[in-house]
Amino acid sequence: MQTYNPNNNQGNQTGNYQNADNYNYNADQYNYGTGNYQNAGNYNYDANYNYGGQYNGQDFMDMNSGFEAGAPMVSGIQNLKSIAGEEVVAKSFLFMVVALLITAGAALTTSPVVAIRMLTGYNFWILLCAELAIVAVSNWAVSRNNAILAGILFAVYSYLTGITCSVLFLVYTGSSMAVIFLITAGLFGIMAVFGLVTKKDLTSVGSLLLMGLLGIIIASFVNLLVLRNGMFDTVLCAAGVLIFVGLTAYDAQKIKRMAAISNDGNVLSLALLGAFELYLDFINLFLKLLRLFGKRK
C-alpha cells in the first residue's frame, strides 16, 4: 500500500540574496528552499510495487539503455503520452507553467529599485519570513487537501519571486537572459521526460542530490561570510546546475508515482505540490545557469 504524507519535511527556505552594492545578493543566488521543499521520505511506497504495471502492461522507454528490445519507437512515444495524460502529471506541469508566467510578469513590471529596497535592511527579513510563512501554510493546506488555498499561496509566492528577480535586469542583458531561459527550458524538458519514462528508481539518487543541495547552501554561506572567493562560488554554481538537473528528473518521477495513488478528491492538491517542486527546480536551474553563462552589462 502506498501512503502519502504531505506533512513530512516541510520546506525550509534559505534566502541567498545579492549584495546591494554590486547586485551580488549572497552568492548571486536566491535559493528557495533547503532540499527543494521536499525529502525523499515525503512519499512512502511499497518497494515491491510494480509501477510499470499501471499502464496496461506497456513497456516504458528506458533512457539509460534505449527502448525495450523489440519495442518500436512509436511504443515508447505512446507510453510517454499515456503518462503525460495522467491528470496529476498534466496539471502539475500546467500549474508550473502558469507560475512561471506569473513570475515573468512580475519581473518585467517591477522596478528594480523597488526590488532592491525589498532585499536590503529589515525588508529582506520581512520578505524572507513572509515566504517561509507561505511555504508552511501551503504545506498545511496540501495536508488538509485545501487546493484553493494552496493555489492562491503558490501564485503569491510566484509573484514575490518575480519581484526579487527583477534585479537581474540590472545585472544581465535582456538577450542573454532570453538565451539562458531557452537553454534552461531545454534541459528541464529533457530531464523531466527522463524522469517520467525511465524504469530506474531515482529515490536513492534523489536523496543524494538533496544532501548535495544542503551542502551547497551551507558552503555558499561560508563563502559569503568567510572565504569571499569568486572561483569557489563559480564551482558551487556549476555543482548546483548538476544537482537541479538531477532533481528535475527525480521530481518528475515522484509526480508520476503520485498519480498512481491519486483519486478524485486529491488530484488538485497533489498537482499543486508537484508543480511547486518543478517550479523551484526550473527557477534555481535558470539562476545557476545565468550566473555561469549570463552576459553582464
C-alpha atoms as a PDB file:
ATOM      1  CA  MET A   1       0.000   0.000   0.000  1.00  0.00           C
ATOM      2  CA  GLN A   2       1.369   3.404  -0.931  1.00  0.00           C
ATOM      3  CA  THR A   3       0.855   6.217   1.539  1.00  0.00           C
ATOM      4  CA  TYR A   4       1.244   9.933   1.067  1.00  0.00           C
ATOM      5  CA  ASN A   5       2.295  12.123   3.966  1.00  0.00           C
ATOM      6  CA  PRO A   6       2.363  15.767   2.917  1.00  0.00           C
ATOM      7  CA  ASN A   7       3.227  16.890   6.451  1.00  0.00           C
ATOM      8  CA  ASN A   8       6.626  15.275   6.342  1.00  0.00           C
ATOM      9  CA  ASN A   9       9.664  17.501   5.840  1.00  0.00           C
ATOM     10  CA  GLN A  10       8.106  20.790   5.038  1.00  0.00           C
ATOM     11  CA  GLY A  11      10.203  23.315   3.176  1.00  0.00           C
ATOM     12  CA  ASN A  12      12.900  25.251   4.943  1.00  0.00           C
ATOM     13  CA  GLN A  13      13.869  28.213   2.916  1.00  0.00           C
ATOM     14  CA  THR A  14      17.269  29.714   2.749  1.00  0.00           C
ATOM     15  CA  GLY A  15      17.299  33.129   1.170  1.00  0.00           C
ATOM     16  CA  ASN A  16      20.565  33.923  -0.516  1.00  0.00           C
ATOM     17  CA  TYR A  17      20.414  37.408  -1.929  1.00  0.00           C
ATOM     18  CA  GLN A  18      22.928  39.575  -3.705  1.00  0.00           C
ATOM     19  CA  ASN A  19      24.749  42.478  -2.039  1.00  0.00           C
ATOM     20  CA  ALA A  20      23.103  45.801  -2.954  1.00  0.00           C
ATOM     21  CA  ASP A  21      26.421  47.428  -3.863  1.00  0.00           C
ATOM     22  CA  ASN A  22      27.199  45.149  -6.776  1.00  0.00           C
ATOM     23  CA  TYR A  23      23.924  43.308  -7.177  1.00  0.00           C
ATOM     24  CA  ASN A  24      25.583  40.124  -5.896  1.00  0.00           C
ATOM     25  CA  TYR A  25      22.915  39.041  -3.491  1.00  0.00           C
ATOM     26  CA  ASN A  26      24.592  36.403  -1.353  1.00  0.00           C
ATOM     27  CA  ALA A  27      26.476  34.374  -3.909  1.00  0.00           C
ATOM     28  CA  ASP A  28      24.259  35.573  -6.797  1.00  0.00           C
ATOM     29  CA  GLN A  29      21.584  33.114  -5.826  1.00  0.00           C
ATOM     30  CA  TYR A  30      18.231  33.311  -4.222  1.00  0.00           C
ATOM     31  CA  ASN A  31      17.735  29.751  -3.015  1.00  0.00           C
ATOM     32  CA  TYR A  32      14.136  28.895  -2.442  1.00  0.00           C
ATOM     33  CA  GLY A  33      14.490  26.014  -0.148  1.00  0.00           C
ATOM     34  CA  THR A  34      16.691  23.549   1.588  1.00  0.00           C
ATOM     35  CA  GLY A  35      16.093  20.263  -0.078  1.00  0.00           C
ATOM     36  CA  ASN A  36      13.884  21.879  -2.653  1.00  0.00           C
ATOM     37  CA  TYR A  37      10.990  21.776  -0.151  1.00  0.00           C
ATOM     38  CA  GLN A  38      10.982  18.036  -0.434  1.00  0.00           C
ATOM     39  CA  ASN A  39      12.506  14.979   1.076  1.00  0.00           C
ATOM     40  CA  ALA A  40      12.842  11.518  -0.252  1.00  0.00           C
ATOM     41  CA  GLY A  41      10.709  10.387   2.645  1.00  0.00           C
ATOM     42  CA  ASN A  42       7.749  12.576   1.779  1.00  0.00           C
ATOM     43  CA  TYR A  43       6.059   9.765  -0.050  1.00  0.00           C
ATOM     44  CA  ASN A  44       6.187   6.213   1.182  1.00  0.00           C
ATOM     45  CA  TYR A  45       5.756   3.492  -1.355  1.00  0.00           C
ATOM     46  CA  ASP A  46       5.785  -0.263  -1.248  1.00  0.00           C
ATOM     47  CA  ALA A  47       9.219  -1.259  -2.532  1.00  0.00           C
ATOM     48  CA  ASN A  48       7.647  -4.225  -4.268  1.00  0.00           C
ATOM     49  CA  TYR A  49       5.051  -2.172  -6.059  1.00  0.00           C
ATOM     50  CA  ASN A  50       5.205  -2.605  -9.817  1.00  0.00           C
ATOM     51  CA  TYR A  51       4.720   0.874 -11.201  1.00  0.00           C
ATOM     52  CA  GLY A  52       5.279  -0.339 -14.727  1.00  0.00           C
ATOM     53  CA  GLY A  53       2.136  -2.431 -14.484  1.00  0.00           C
ATOM     54  CA  GLN A  54      -0.114   0.563 -14.019  1.00  0.00           C
ATOM     55  CA  TYR A  55      -0.209   1.442 -17.664  1.00  0.00           C
ATOM     56  CA  ASN A  56      -1.806  -1.681 -19.098  1.00  0.00           C
ATOM     57  CA  GLY A  57       1.430  -3.602 -19.065  1.00  0.00           C
ATOM     58  CA  GLN A  58       3.094  -1.412 -21.685  1.00  0.00           C
ATOM     59  CA  ASP A  59       6.866  -1.154 -21.701  1.00  0.00           C
ATOM     60  CA  PHE A  60       8.401   2.175 -20.781  1.00  0.00           C
ATOM     61  CA  MET A  61      11.262   3.830 -22.575  1.00  0.00           C
ATOM     62  CA  ASP A  62      14.481   3.223 -20.658  1.00  0.00           C
ATOM     63  CA  MET A  63      16.507   6.418 -21.047  1.00  0.00           C
ATOM     64  CA  ASN A  64      19.621   4.605 -19.878  1.00  0.00           C
ATOM     65  CA  SER A  65      19.621   1.886 -22.479  1.00  0.00           C
ATOM     66  CA  GLY A  66      17.113   2.978 -25.090  1.00  0.00           C
ATOM     67  CA  PHE A  67      13.793   1.309 -25.802  1.00  0.00           C
ATOM     68  CA  GLU A  68      12.899  -2.168 -24.719  1.00  0.00           C
ATOM     69  CA  ALA A  69      14.280  -4.803 -27.036  1.00  0.00           C
ATOM     70  CA  GLY A  70      11.850  -5.439 -29.829  1.00  0.00           C
ATOM     71  CA  ALA A  71       9.635  -2.487 -28.957  1.00  0.00           C
ATOM     72  CA  PRO A  72       9.307   0.085 -31.757  1.00  0.00           C
ATOM     73  CA  MET A  73       9.915   3.755 -31.064  1.00  0.00           C
ATOM     74  CA  VAL A  74       6.238   4.523 -31.519  1.00  0.00           C
ATOM     75  CA  SER A  75       5.508   2.341 -28.488  1.00  0.00           C
ATOM     76  CA  GLY A  76       7.793   4.478 -26.347  1.00  0.00           C
ATOM     77  CA  ILE A  77       6.103   7.640 -27.583  1.00  0.00           C
ATOM     78  CA  GLN A  78       2.697   6.175 -26.795  1.00  0.00           C
ATOM     79  CA  ASN A  79       3.873   5.297 -23.284  1.00  0.00           C
ATOM     80  CA  LEU A  80       5.055   8.863 -22.745  1.00  0.00           C
ATOM     81  CA  LYS A  81       1.705  10.181 -23.942  1.00  0.00           C
ATOM     82  CA  SER A  82      -0.034   7.779 -21.583  1.00  0.00           C
ATOM     83  CA  ILE A  83       1.998   9.036 -18.631  1.00  0.00           C
ATOM     84  CA  ALA A  84       1.551  12.686 -19.599  1.00  0.00           C
ATOM     85  CA  GLY A  85      -2.165  12.060 -19.866  1.00  0.00           C
ATOM     86  CA  GLU A  86      -2.390  11.254 -16.161  1.00  0.00           C
ATOM     87  CA  GLU A  87      -4.321  14.085 -14.532  1.00  0.00           C
ATOM     88  CA  VAL A  88      -1.826  14.747 -11.735  1.00  0.00           C
ATOM     89  CA  VAL A  89       1.110  14.802 -14.173  1.00  0.00           C
ATOM     90  CA  ALA A  90      -0.598  17.038 -16.719  1.00  0.00           C
ATOM     91  CA  LYS A  91      -1.872  19.520 -14.146  1.00  0.00           C
ATOM     92  CA  SER A  92       1.478  19.645 -12.334  1.00  0.00           C
ATOM     93  CA  PHE A  93       3.218  20.840 -15.473  1.00  0.00           C
ATOM     94  CA  LEU A  94       0.346  23.158 -16.346  1.00  0.00           C
ATOM     95  CA  PHE A  95       0.394  24.824 -12.934  1.00  0.00           C
ATOM     96  CA  MET A  96       4.177  25.133 -13.130  1.00  0.00           C
ATOM     97  CA  VAL A  97       3.924  26.966 -16.458  1.00  0.00           C
ATOM     98  CA  VAL A  98       1.280  29.316 -15.032  1.00  0.00           C
ATOM     99  CA  ALA A  99       3.539  30.041 -12.049  1.00  0.00           C
ATOM    100  CA  LEU A 100       6.459  30.814 -14.364  1.00  0.00           C
ATOM    101  CA  LEU A 101       4.262  33.220 -16.330  1.00  0.00           C
ATOM    102  CA  ILE A 102       3.298  34.980 -13.095  1.00  0.00           C
ATOM    103  CA  THR A 103       6.965  35.243 -12.132  1.00  0.00           C
ATOM    104  CA  ALA A 104       7.942  36.572 -15.560  1.00  0.00           C
ATOM    105  CA  GLY A 105       5.130  39.110 -15.490  1.00  0.00           C
ATOM    106  CA  ALA A 106       6.140  40.347 -12.038  1.00  0.00           C
ATOM    107  CA  ALA A 107       9.809  40.583 -13.030  1.00  0.00           C
ATOM    108  CA  LEU A 108       9.018  42.569 -16.168  1.00  0.00           C
ATOM    109  CA  THR A 109       6.633  45.001 -14.494  1.00  0.00           C
ATOM    110  CA  THR A 110       8.508  45.649 -11.227  1.00  0.00           C
ATOM    111  CA  SER A 111      11.040  48.420 -10.950  1.00  0.00           C
ATOM    112  CA  PRO A 112      14.459  47.057  -9.956  1.00  0.00           C
ATOM    113  CA  VAL A 113      14.714  49.931  -7.472  1.00  0.00           C
ATOM    114  CA  VAL A 114      11.684  48.562  -5.638  1.00  0.00           C
ATOM    115  CA  ALA A 115      13.198  45.080  -5.637  1.00  0.00           C
ATOM    116  CA  ILE A 116      16.476  46.387  -4.203  1.00  0.00           C
ATOM    117  CA  ARG A 117      14.613  48.067  -1.367  1.00  0.00           C
ATOM    118  CA  MET A 118      12.866  44.798  -0.619  1.00  0.00           C
ATOM    119  CA  LEU A 119      16.182  42.956  -0.469  1.00  0.00           C
ATOM    120  CA  THR A 120      18.044  45.319   1.838  1.00  0.00           C
ATOM    121  CA  GLY A 121      17.843  46.009   5.550  1.00  0.00           C
ATOM    122  CA  TYR A 122      14.826  44.898   7.540  1.00  0.00           C
ATOM    123  CA  ASN A 123      12.786  44.468   4.372  1.00  0.00           C
ATOM    124  CA  PHE A 124      14.897  41.439   3.481  1.00  0.00           C
ATOM    125  CA  TRP A 125      13.965  39.672   6.705  1.00  0.00           C
ATOM    126  CA  ILE A 126      10.321  40.604   6.337  1.00  0.00           C
ATOM    127  CA  LEU A 127      10.293  39.141   2.828  1.00  0.00           C
ATOM    128  CA  LEU A 128      12.110  36.008   3.979  1.00  0.00           C
ATOM    129  CA  CYS A 129       9.681  35.444   6.862  1.00  0.00           C
ATOM    130  CA  ALA A 130       6.738  36.039   4.527  1.00  0.00           C
ATOM    131  CA  GLU A 131       7.953  33.413   2.079  1.00  0.00           C
ATOM    132  CA  LEU A 132       8.692  30.934   4.878  1.00  0.00           C
ATOM    133  CA  ALA A 133       5.154  31.500   6.154  1.00  0.00           C
ATOM    134  CA  ILE A 134       3.767  30.922   2.654  1.00  0.00           C
ATOM    135  CA  VAL A 135       5.626  27.629   2.380  1.00  0.00           C
ATOM    136  CA  ALA A 136       4.468  26.478   5.813  1.00  0.00           C
ATOM    137  CA  VAL A 137       0.826  27.375   5.218  1.00  0.00           C
ATOM    138  CA  SER A 138       0.962  25.860   1.724  1.00  0.00           C
ATOM    139  CA  ASN A 139       2.119  22.545   3.145  1.00  0.00           C
ATOM    140  CA  TRP A 140      -0.634  22.733   5.740  1.00  0.00           C
ATOM    141  CA  ALA A 141      -3.184  23.441   3.007  1.00  0.00           C
ATOM    142  CA  VAL A 142      -1.988  20.461   0.976  1.00  0.00           C
ATOM    143  CA  SER A 143      -2.142  18.221   4.060  1.00  0.00           C
ATOM    144  CA  ARG A 144      -5.759  19.328   4.534  1.00  0.00           C
ATOM    145  CA  ASN A 145      -6.421  18.867   0.827  1.00  0.00           C
ATOM    146  CA  ASN A 146      -7.310  22.556   0.508  1.00  0.00           C
ATOM    147  CA  ALA A 147      -6.340  23.090  -3.110  1.00  0.00           C
ATOM    148  CA  ILE A 148      -7.833  26.596  -3.337  1.00  0.00           C
ATOM    149  CA  LEU A 149      -5.690  27.987  -0.509  1.00  0.00           C
ATOM    150  CA  ALA A 150      -2.618  26.127  -1.760  1.00  0.00           C
ATOM    151  CA  GLY A 151      -3.131  27.521  -5.249  1.00  0.00           C
ATOM    152  CA  ILE A 152      -3.515  31.102  -4.018  1.00  0.00           C
ATOM    153  CA  LEU A 153      -0.360  30.851  -1.925  1.00  0.00           C
ATOM    154  CA  PHE A 154       1.538  29.326  -4.844  1.00  0.00           C
ATOM    155  CA  ALA A 155       0.527  32.297  -7.004  1.00  0.00           C
ATOM    156  CA  VAL A 156       1.603  34.778  -4.305  1.00  0.00           C
ATOM    157  CA  TYR A 157       4.933  33.018  -3.916  1.00  0.00           C
ATOM    158  CA  SER A 158       5.473  33.093  -7.682  1.00  0.00           C
ATOM    159  CA  TYR A 159       4.746  36.824  -7.766  1.00  0.00           C
ATOM    160  CA  LEU A 160       7.174  37.578  -4.921  1.00  0.00           C
ATOM    161  CA  THR A 161       9.824  35.562  -6.710  1.00  0.00           C
ATOM    162  CA  GLY A 162       9.258  37.639  -9.828  1.00  0.00           C
ATOM    163  CA  ILE A 163       9.696  40.867  -7.871  1.00  0.00           C
ATOM    164  CA  THR A 164      13.054  39.739  -6.497  1.00  0.00           C
ATOM    165  CA  CYS A 165      14.166  38.508  -9.915  1.00  0.00           C
ATOM    166  CA  SER A 166      13.569  41.946 -11.430  1.00  0.00           C
ATOM    167  CA  VAL A 167      17.018  42.997 -10.183  1.00  0.00           C
ATOM    168  CA  LEU A 168      18.536  40.611 -12.700  1.00  0.00           C
ATOM    169  CA  PHE A 169      17.731  43.130 -15.431  1.00  0.00           C
ATOM    170  CA  LEU A 170      20.226  45.487 -13.800  1.00  0.00           C
ATOM    171  CA  VAL A 171      22.984  42.895 -13.978  1.00  0.00           C
ATOM    172  CA  TYR A 172      22.461  40.912 -17.190  1.00  0.00           C
ATOM    173  CA  THR A 173      21.487  41.852 -20.727  1.00  0.00           C
ATOM    174  CA  GLY A 174      17.973  41.002 -21.872  1.00  0.00           C
ATOM    175  CA  SER A 175      19.208  38.912 -24.804  1.00  0.00           C
ATOM    176  CA  SER A 176      21.476  36.908 -22.531  1.00  0.00           C
ATOM    177  CA  MET A 177      18.619  36.186 -20.128  1.00  0.00           C
ATOM    178  CA  ALA A 178      16.407  35.092 -23.013  1.00  0.00           C
ATOM    179  CA  VAL A 179      19.041  32.658 -24.305  1.00  0.00           C
ATOM    180  CA  ILE A 180      19.648  31.218 -20.830  1.00  0.00           C
ATOM    181  CA  PHE A 181      15.902  30.822 -20.365  1.00  0.00           C
ATOM    182  CA  LEU A 182      15.654  28.760 -23.559  1.00  0.00           C
ATOM    183  CA  ILE A 183      18.623  26.624 -22.507  1.00  0.00           C
ATOM    184  CA  THR A 184      17.008  26.095 -19.115  1.00  0.00           C
ATOM    185  CA  ALA A 185      13.723  25.098 -20.736  1.00  0.00           C
ATOM    186  CA  GLY A 186      15.524  22.583 -22.955  1.00  0.00           C
ATOM    187  CA  LEU A 187      17.467  20.956 -20.101  1.00  0.00           C
ATOM    188  CA  PHE A 188      14.398  20.955 -17.892  1.00  0.00           C
ATOM    189  CA  GLY A 189      12.258  19.337 -20.599  1.00  0.00           C
ATOM    190  CA  ILE A 190      14.797  16.598 -21.326  1.00  0.00           C
ATOM    191  CA  MET A 191      15.238  15.678 -17.674  1.00  0.00           C
ATOM    192  CA  ALA A 192      11.512  15.833 -16.963  1.00  0.00           C
ATOM    193  CA  VAL A 193      10.848  13.356 -19.790  1.00  0.00           C
ATOM    194  CA  PHE A 194      13.654  11.173 -18.478  1.00  0.00           C
ATOM    195  CA  GLY A 195      12.100  11.132 -15.018  1.00  0.00           C
ATOM    196  CA  LEU A 196       8.680  10.241 -16.425  1.00  0.00           C
ATOM    197  CA  VAL A 197       9.748   7.359 -18.646  1.00  0.00           C
ATOM    198  CA  THR A 198      12.806   5.799 -17.030  1.00  0.00           C
ATOM    199  CA  LYS A 199      12.314   2.464 -15.279  1.00  0.00           C
ATOM    200  CA  LYS A 200      15.165   3.147 -12.875  1.00  0.00           C
ATOM    201  CA  ASP A 201      14.118   4.084  -9.344  1.00  0.00           C
ATOM    202  CA  LEU A 202      15.595   7.540  -8.688  1.00  0.00           C
ATOM    203  CA  THR A 203      14.782   7.612  -4.970  1.00  0.00           C
ATOM    204  CA  SER A 204      18.321   6.909  -3.796  1.00  0.00           C
ATOM    205  CA  VAL A 205      19.758   9.321  -6.364  1.00  0.00           C
ATOM    206  CA  GLY A 206      17.294  11.981  -5.244  1.00  0.00           C
ATOM    207  CA  SER A 207      18.340  11.556  -1.624  1.00  0.00           C
ATOM    208  CA  LEU A 208      21.978  12.138  -2.554  1.00  0.00           C
ATOM    209  CA  LEU A 209      21.035  15.189  -4.609  1.00  0.00           C
ATOM    210  CA  LEU A 210      19.104  16.685  -1.705  1.00  0.00           C
ATOM    211  CA  MET A 211      22.090  16.151   0.578  1.00  0.00           C
ATOM    212  CA  GLY A 212      24.293  17.806  -2.032  1.00  0.00           C
ATOM    213  CA  LEU A 213      21.915  20.766  -2.248  1.00  0.00           C
ATOM    214  CA  LEU A 214      22.061  21.221   1.505  1.00  0.00           C
ATOM    215  CA  GLY A 215      25.849  21.119   1.324  1.00  0.00           C
ATOM    216  CA  ILE A 216      25.894  23.786  -1.394  1.00  0.00           C
ATOM    217  CA  ILE A 217      23.652  26.085   0.649  1.00  0.00           C
ATOM    218  CA  ILE A 218      25.912  25.747   3.689  1.00  0.00           C
ATOM    219  CA  ALA A 219      29.051  26.234   1.575  1.00  0.00           C
ATOM    220  CA  SER A 220      27.502  29.339  -0.013  1.00  0.00           C
ATOM    221  CA  PHE A 221      27.025  30.913   3.390  1.00  0.00           C
ATOM    222  CA  VAL A 222      30.588  30.053   4.401  1.00  0.00           C
ATOM    223  CA  ASN A 223      31.909  31.552   1.181  1.00  0.00           C
ATOM    224  CA  LEU A 224      29.788  34.656   1.608  1.00  0.00           C
ATOM    225  CA  LEU A 225      30.710  35.325   5.230  1.00  0.00           C
ATOM    226  CA  VAL A 226      34.265  33.982   5.424  1.00  0.00           C
ATOM    227  CA  LEU A 227      36.006  32.980   2.193  1.00  0.00           C
ATOM    228  CA  ARG A 228      34.592  35.500  -0.292  1.00  0.00           C
ATOM    229  CA  ASN A 229      36.183  33.512  -3.104  1.00  0.00           C
ATOM    230  CA  GLY A 230      34.754  34.123  -6.582  1.00  0.00           C
ATOM    231  CA  MET A 231      36.180  30.921  -8.048  1.00  0.00           C
ATOM    232  CA  PHE A 232      34.683  28.839  -5.257  1.00  0.00           C
ATOM    233  CA  ASP A 233      31.330  30.497  -5.886  1.00  0.00           C
ATOM    234  CA  THR A 234      31.575  29.535  -9.571  1.00  0.00           C
ATOM    235  CA  VAL A 235      32.284  25.924  -8.596  1.00  0.00           C
ATOM    236  CA  LEU A 236      29.238  25.939  -6.332  1.00  0.00           C
ATOM    237  CA  CYS A 237      27.080  27.274  -9.161  1.00  0.00           C
ATOM    238  CA  ALA A 238      28.299  24.538 -11.512  1.00  0.00           C
ATOM    239  CA  ALA A 239      27.537  21.892  -8.893  1.00  0.00           C
ATOM    240  CA  GLY A 240      24.126  23.485  -8.409  1.00  0.00           C
ATOM    241  CA  VAL A 241      23.342  23.106 -12.107  1.00  0.00           C
ATOM    242  CA  LEU A 242      24.074  19.379 -11.926  1.00  0.00           C
ATOM    243  CA  ILE A 243      22.010  18.987  -8.775  1.00  0.00           C
ATOM    244  CA  PHE A 244      18.928  20.778 -10.113  1.00  0.00           C
ATOM    245  CA  VAL A 245      19.153  18.914 -13.422  1.00  0.00           C
ATOM    246  CA  GLY A 246      19.030  15.679 -11.442  1.00  0.00           C
ATOM    247  CA  LEU A 247      16.283  16.919  -9.130  1.00  0.00           C
ATOM    248  CA  THR A 248      14.127  17.703 -12.147  1.00  0.00           C
ATOM    249  CA  ALA A 249      14.138  14.054 -13.164  1.00  0.00           C
ATOM    250  CA  TYR A 250      13.651  12.944  -9.572  1.00  0.00           C
ATOM    251  CA  ASP A 251      10.658  15.230  -9.010  1.00  0.00           C
ATOM    252  CA  ALA A 252       9.086  14.243 -12.333  1.00  0.00           C
ATOM    253  CA  GLN A 253       9.258  10.598 -11.313  1.00  0.00           C
ATOM    254  CA  LYS A 254       7.719  11.441  -7.929  1.00  0.00           C
ATOM    255  CA  ILE A 255       4.816  13.147  -9.672  1.00  0.00           C
ATOM    256  CA  LYS A 256       4.279  10.065 -11.819  1.00  0.00           C
ATOM    257  CA  ARG A 257       4.122   7.984  -8.651  1.00  0.00           C
ATOM    258  CA  MET A 258       1.736  10.426  -7.001  1.00  0.00           C
ATOM    259  CA  ALA A 259      -0.537   9.975  -9.996  1.00  0.00           C
ATOM    260  CA  ALA A 260      -0.715   6.287  -9.134  1.00  0.00           C
ATOM    261  CA  ILE A 261      -2.089   6.990  -5.650  1.00  0.00           C
ATOM    262  CA  SER A 262      -4.330   9.919  -6.571  1.00  0.00           C
ATOM    263  CA  ASN A 263      -8.111   9.968  -6.505  1.00  0.00           C
ATOM    264  CA  ASP A 264     -10.823  12.400  -7.468  1.00  0.00           C
ATOM    265  CA  GLY A 265     -10.538  14.135  -4.107  1.00  0.00           C
ATOM    266  CA  ASN A 266      -6.833  14.930  -4.001  1.00  0.00           C
ATOM    267  CA  VAL A 267      -5.786  15.424  -7.637  1.00  0.00           C
ATOM    268  CA  LEU A 268      -5.525  19.208  -7.404  1.00  0.00           C
ATOM    269  CA  SER A 269      -3.592  19.180  -4.127  1.00  0.00           C
ATOM    270  CA  LEU A 270      -1.083  16.643  -5.408  1.00  0.00           C
ATOM    271  CA  ALA A 271      -0.745  18.504  -8.703  1.00  0.00           C
ATOM    272  CA  LEU A 272      -0.028  21.793  -6.896  1.00  0.00           C
ATOM    273  CA  LEU A 273       2.565  20.087  -4.732  1.00  0.00           C
ATOM    274  CA  GLY A 274       4.262  18.627  -7.796  1.00  0.00           C
ATOM    275  CA  ALA A 275       4.059  21.933  -9.653  1.00  0.00           C
ATOM    276  CA  PHE A 276       5.724  23.776  -6.787  1.00  0.00           C
ATOM    277  CA  GLU A 277       8.649  21.357  -6.774  1.00  0.00           C
ATOM    278  CA  LEU A 278       9.070  21.596 -10.545  1.00  0.00           C
ATOM    279  CA  TYR A 279       8.827  25.387 -10.353  1.00  0.00           C
ATOM    280  CA  LEU A 280      11.655  25.541  -7.820  1.00  0.00           C
ATOM    281  CA  ASP A 281      13.789  23.246  -9.970  1.00  0.00           C
ATOM    282  CA  PHE A 282      13.284  25.461 -13.007  1.00  0.00           C
ATOM    283  CA  ILE A 283      13.887  28.772 -11.229  1.00  0.00           C
ATOM    284  CA  ASN A 284      17.036  27.602  -9.476  1.00  0.00           C
ATOM    285  CA  LEU A 285      18.401  25.973 -12.615  1.00  0.00           C
ATOM    286  CA  PHE A 286      17.809  29.208 -14.527  1.00  0.00           C
ATOM    287  CA  LEU A 287      19.557  31.318 -11.889  1.00  0.00           C
ATOM    288  CA  LYS A 288      22.548  28.978 -11.715  1.00  0.00           C
ATOM    289  CA  LEU A 289      22.985  28.934 -15.488  1.00  0.00           C
ATOM    290  CA  LEU A 290      22.578  32.690 -15.637  1.00  0.00           C
ATOM    291  CA  ARG A 291      25.271  33.082 -13.005  1.00  0.00           C
ATOM    292  CA  LEU A 292      27.643  30.889 -15.010  1.00  0.00           C
ATOM    293  CA  PHE A 293      26.961  31.952 -18.585  1.00  0.00           C
ATOM    294  CA  GLY A 294      24.933  35.163 -18.470  1.00  0.00           C
ATOM    295  CA  LYS A 295      26.403  38.216 -20.151  1.00  0.00           C
ATOM    296  CA  ARG A 296      26.709  41.082 -17.713  1.00  0.00           C
ATOM    297  CA  LYS A 297      26.023  44.675 -18.597  1.00  0.00           C
END
